[in-house]
Amino acid sequence: MCIAALGDLPDSLQEKVSVLDLEVNRTGPTFTIDTINQLRMIYPRDTFTLILGSDAAEKIDQWYRSDALLKIVEILVVKRPGQSKSAFPEVEIKALDISATQVRDAVAKRSDVAPMLSPSVRTYIKENGLYGSK
């Protein structure tokens, strides 16, 4: 799905983005700290910033090994309208006020997701039967 979304970006941004399949190739539960540690092995000279929506940042203390995670990444929060200030640096962007949870729920309920997703991502979700789509 990330590759489909990448195709919707301008060419100048596409060349700056890499899509890796680390998590889909891992067996068992996938935790953010495991992904970051794997990325640190691949890119040992780089630092990492985890970009989260306000809702995810609000619950990061409930994540698996969140204390260790916060020691190895910077957090940048994309602030959603109406959300209170987080404990992390924030950025406001022009974007729809929609969470991934809302998208998954809408797809599962067979609601119209056209206002939420680009055409290529909608097609990918449908073709791959994600979130209960068929």
C-alpha atoms as a PDB file:
ATOM      1  CA  MET A   1       0.000   0.000   0.000  1.00  0.00           C
ATOM      2  CA  CYS A   2       2.903   2.353   0.712  1.00  0.00           C
ATOM      3  CA  ILE A   3       4.204   1.867  -2.804  1.00  0.00           C
ATOM      4  CA  ALA A   4       0.740   2.702  -4.150  1.00  0.00           C
ATOM      5  CA  ALA A   5       0.656   5.878  -2.049  1.00  0.00           C
ATOM      6  CA  LEU A   6       4.181   6.739  -3.147  1.00  0.00           C
ATOM      7  CA  GLY A   7       2.932   6.816  -6.728  1.00  0.00           C
ATOM      8  CA  ASP A   8       0.597   9.664  -5.769  1.00  0.00           C
ATOM      9  CA  LEU A   9       3.499  11.875  -4.661  1.00  0.00           C
ATOM     10  CA  PRO A  10       5.234  14.352  -6.959  1.00  0.00           C
ATOM     11  CA  ASP A  11       8.364  12.933  -8.632  1.00  0.00           C
ATOM     12  CA  SER A  12      10.598  15.234  -6.574  1.00  0.00           C
ATOM     13  CA  LEU A  13       9.358  13.577  -3.366  1.00  0.00           C
ATOM     14  CA  GLN A  14       9.277  10.025  -4.715  1.00  0.00           C
ATOM     15  CA  GLU A  15      13.038   9.983  -5.156  1.00  0.00           C
ATOM     16  CA  LYS A  16      13.498  10.918  -1.478  1.00  0.00           C
ATOM     17  CA  VAL A  17      11.378   8.063  -0.090  1.00  0.00           C
ATOM     18  CA  SER A  18      12.296   4.403   0.358  1.00  0.00           C
ATOM     19  CA  VAL A  19       9.697   1.760   1.049  1.00  0.00           C
ATOM     20  CA  LEU A  20      11.018  -1.291   2.894  1.00  0.00           C
ATOM     21  CA  ASP A  21       9.219  -4.542   3.625  1.00  0.00           C
ATOM     22  CA  LEU A  22      10.820  -5.196   7.011  1.00  0.00           C
ATOM     23  CA  GLU A  23       7.591  -5.558   8.949  1.00  0.00           C
ATOM     24  CA  VAL A  24       5.705  -7.700   6.454  1.00  0.00           C
ATOM     25  CA  ASN A  25       8.613 -10.152   6.303  1.00  0.00           C
ATOM     26  CA  ARG A  26       8.834 -10.495  10.083  1.00  0.00           C
ATOM     27  CA  THR A  27       6.951 -13.363  11.701  1.00  0.00           C
ATOM     28  CA  GLY A  28       4.866 -12.874  14.802  1.00  0.00           C
ATOM     29  CA  PRO A  29       3.911  -9.555  16.335  1.00  0.00           C
ATOM     30  CA  THR A  30       5.534  -6.456  14.886  1.00  0.00           C
ATOM     31  CA  PHE A  31       6.605  -3.793  17.346  1.00  0.00           C
ATOM     32  CA  THR A  32       7.901  -0.342  16.439  1.00  0.00           C
ATOM     33  CA  ILE A  33      11.035  -0.752  18.534  1.00  0.00           C
ATOM     34  CA  ASP A  34      11.952  -3.904  16.591  1.00  0.00           C
ATOM     35  CA  THR A  35      11.543  -2.073  13.294  1.00  0.00           C
ATOM     36  CA  ILE A  36      13.641   0.862  14.495  1.00  0.00           C
ATOM     37  CA  ASN A  37      16.382  -1.468  15.755  1.00  0.00           C
ATOM     38  CA  GLN A  38      16.417  -3.237  12.394  1.00  0.00           C
ATOM     39  CA  LEU A  39      16.626   0.119  10.594  1.00  0.00           C
ATOM     40  CA  ARG A  40      19.507   1.153  12.862  1.00  0.00           C
ATOM     41  CA  MET A  41      21.421  -1.957  11.700  1.00  0.00           C
ATOM     42  CA  ILE A  42      20.741  -1.129   8.048  1.00  0.00           C
ATOM     43  CA  TYR A  43      21.482   2.591   8.440  1.00  0.00           C
ATOM     44  CA  PRO A  44      23.930   2.794  11.371  1.00  0.00           C
ATOM     45  CA  ARG A  45      24.932   6.420  10.730  1.00  0.00           C
ATOM     46  CA  ASP A  46      21.387   7.762  10.575  1.00  0.00           C
ATOM     47  CA  THR A  47      19.046   9.038  13.231  1.00  0.00           C
ATOM     48  CA  PHE A  48      15.335   8.358  13.125  1.00  0.00           C
ATOM     49  CA  THR A  49      12.255  10.447  13.719  1.00  0.00           C
ATOM     50  CA  LEU A  50       9.011   8.654  14.344  1.00  0.00           C
ATOM     51  CA  ILE A  51       6.148  10.700  12.924  1.00  0.00           C
ATOM     52  CA  LEU A  52       2.858  10.087  14.705  1.00  0.00           C
ATOM     53  CA  GLY A  53      -0.634  11.493  14.689  1.00  0.00           C
ATOM     54  CA  SER A  54      -1.860  13.175  17.852  1.00  0.00           C
ATOM     55  CA  ASP A  55      -3.925  10.142  18.838  1.00  0.00           C
ATOM     56  CA  ALA A  56      -0.981   7.727  18.582  1.00  0.00           C
ATOM     57  CA  ALA A  57       1.373  10.076  20.431  1.00  0.00           C
ATOM     58  CA  GLU A  58      -1.142  10.376  23.229  1.00  0.00           C
ATOM     59  CA  LYS A  59      -0.910   6.621  23.859  1.00  0.00           C
ATOM     60  CA  ILE A  60       2.794   6.015  23.189  1.00  0.00           C
ATOM     61  CA  ASP A  61       3.413   5.218  26.854  1.00  0.00           C
ATOM     62  CA  GLN A  62       1.231   2.107  26.314  1.00  0.00           C
ATOM     63  CA  TRP A  63       3.394   0.838  23.434  1.00  0.00           C
ATOM     64  CA  TYR A  64       5.639  -2.182  23.809  1.00  0.00           C
ATOM     65  CA  ARG A  65       8.980  -1.052  25.320  1.00  0.00           C
ATOM     66  CA  SER A  66       8.062   2.597  24.891  1.00  0.00           C
ATOM     67  CA  ASP A  67      10.785   3.766  27.316  1.00  0.00           C
ATOM     68  CA  ALA A  68      13.486   2.120  25.211  1.00  0.00           C
ATOM     69  CA  LEU A  69      11.900   3.373  21.999  1.00  0.00           C
ATOM     70  CA  LEU A  70      11.897   6.972  23.189  1.00  0.00           C
ATOM     71  CA  LYS A  71      15.642   6.723  23.875  1.00  0.00           C
ATOM     72  CA  ILE A  72      16.469   5.817  20.268  1.00  0.00           C
ATOM     73  CA  VAL A  73      14.080   7.973  18.216  1.00  0.00           C
ATOM     74  CA  GLU A  74      12.879  11.524  18.095  1.00  0.00           C
ATOM     75  CA  ILE A  75       9.116  11.949  18.004  1.00  0.00           C
ATOM     76  CA  LEU A  76       7.357  14.430  15.739  1.00  0.00           C
ATOM     77  CA  VAL A  77       3.604  14.761  16.108  1.00  0.00           C
ATOM     78  CA  VAL A  78       1.331  15.755  13.259  1.00  0.00           C
ATOM     79  CA  LYS A  79      -1.230  17.725  15.190  1.00  0.00           C
ATOM     80  CA  ARG A  80      -4.839  17.043  14.370  1.00  0.00           C
ATOM     81  CA  PRO A  81      -7.379  19.849  14.610  1.00  0.00           C
ATOM     82  CA  GLY A  82      -8.975  20.031  18.023  1.00  0.00           C
ATOM     83  CA  GLN A  83      -6.317  17.934  19.760  1.00  0.00           C
ATOM     84  CA  SER A  84      -4.553  19.315  22.802  1.00  0.00           C
ATOM     85  CA  LYS A  85      -0.818  19.945  22.714  1.00  0.00           C
ATOM     86  CA  SER A  86       1.320  16.853  23.058  1.00  0.00           C
ATOM     87  CA  ALA A  87       4.519  16.376  25.043  1.00  0.00           C
ATOM     88  CA  PHE A  88       6.485  16.204  21.760  1.00  0.00           C
ATOM     89  CA  PRO A  89       7.437  18.668  19.029  1.00  0.00           C
ATOM     90  CA  GLU A  90       4.490  19.200  16.715  1.00  0.00           C
ATOM     91  CA  VAL A  91       3.826  20.231  13.183  1.00  0.00           C
ATOM     92  CA  GLU A  92       0.539  21.252  11.660  1.00  0.00           C
ATOM     93  CA  ILE A  93      -0.049  20.336   8.057  1.00  0.00           C
ATOM     94  CA  LYS A  94      -2.843  20.833   5.599  1.00  0.00           C
ATOM     95  CA  ALA A  95      -4.407  17.416   5.647  1.00  0.00           C
ATOM     96  CA  LEU A  96      -7.694  15.755   6.255  1.00  0.00           C
ATOM     97  CA  ASP A  97      -8.631  15.216   9.890  1.00  0.00           C
ATOM     98  CA  ILE A  98      -8.759  11.430   9.532  1.00  0.00           C
ATOM     99  CA  SER A  99      -7.005   8.718  11.497  1.00  0.00           C
ATOM    100  CA  ALA A 100      -5.898   5.314  10.216  1.00  0.00           C
ATOM    101  CA  THR A 101      -8.405   3.772  12.616  1.00  0.00           C
ATOM    102  CA  GLN A 102     -11.216   5.757  10.984  1.00  0.00           C
ATOM    103  CA  VAL A 103     -10.096   4.568   7.540  1.00  0.00           C
ATOM    104  CA  ARG A 104      -9.959   0.910   8.620  1.00  0.00           C
ATOM    105  CA  ASP A 105     -13.390   1.183  10.243  1.00  0.00           C
ATOM    106  CA  ALA A 106     -14.917   2.863   7.187  1.00  0.00           C
ATOM    107  CA  VAL A 107     -13.515   0.206   4.840  1.00  0.00           C
ATOM    108  CA  ALA A 108     -14.747  -2.599   7.111  1.00  0.00           C
ATOM    109  CA  LYS A 109     -18.236  -1.031   7.181  1.00  0.00           C
ATOM    110  CA  ARG A 110     -18.116  -0.585   3.393  1.00  0.00           C
ATOM    111  CA  SER A 111     -18.555   3.178   3.735  1.00  0.00           C
ATOM    112  CA  ASP A 112     -17.401   5.529   0.989  1.00  0.00           C
ATOM    113  CA  VAL A 113     -13.679   6.141   1.572  1.00  0.00           C
ATOM    114  CA  ALA A 114     -13.153   8.266  -1.552  1.00  0.00           C
ATOM    115  CA  PRO A 115     -12.854  11.479   0.488  1.00  0.00           C
ATOM    116  CA  MET A 116     -10.265   9.795   2.747  1.00  0.00           C
ATOM    117  CA  LEU A 117      -7.878   8.056   0.365  1.00  0.00           C
ATOM    118  CA  SER A 118      -6.192   8.533  -2.966  1.00  0.00           C
ATOM    119  CA  PRO A 119      -7.522   6.413  -5.847  1.00  0.00           C
ATOM    120  CA  SER A 120      -4.427   4.198  -5.940  1.00  0.00           C
ATOM    121  CA  VAL A 121      -4.600   3.408  -2.224  1.00  0.00           C
ATOM    122  CA  ARG A 122      -8.349   2.659  -2.445  1.00  0.00           C
ATOM    123  CA  THR A 123      -7.648   0.292  -5.339  1.00  0.00           C
ATOM    124  CA  TYR A 124      -4.835  -1.438  -3.443  1.00  0.00           C
ATOM    125  CA  ILE A 125      -7.025  -1.953  -0.367  1.00  0.00           C
ATOM    126  CA  LYS A 126      -9.824  -3.419  -2.471  1.00  0.00           C
ATOM    127  CA  GLU A 127      -7.596  -5.618  -4.650  1.00  0.00           C
ATOM    128  CA  ASN A 128      -5.848  -7.053  -1.594  1.00  0.00           C
ATOM    129  CA  GLY A 129      -8.965  -7.459   0.544  1.00  0.00           C
ATOM    130  CA  LEU A 130      -7.599  -5.324   3.379  1.00  0.00           C
ATOM    131  CA  TYR A 131      -9.694  -4.317   6.379  1.00  0.00           C
ATOM    132  CA  GLY A 132     -12.605  -6.499   5.315  1.00  0.00           C
ATOM    133  CA  SER A 133     -12.888  -5.066   1.789  1.00  0.00           C
ATOM    134  CA  LYS A 134     -13.777  -7.296  -1.132  1.00  0.00           C
END
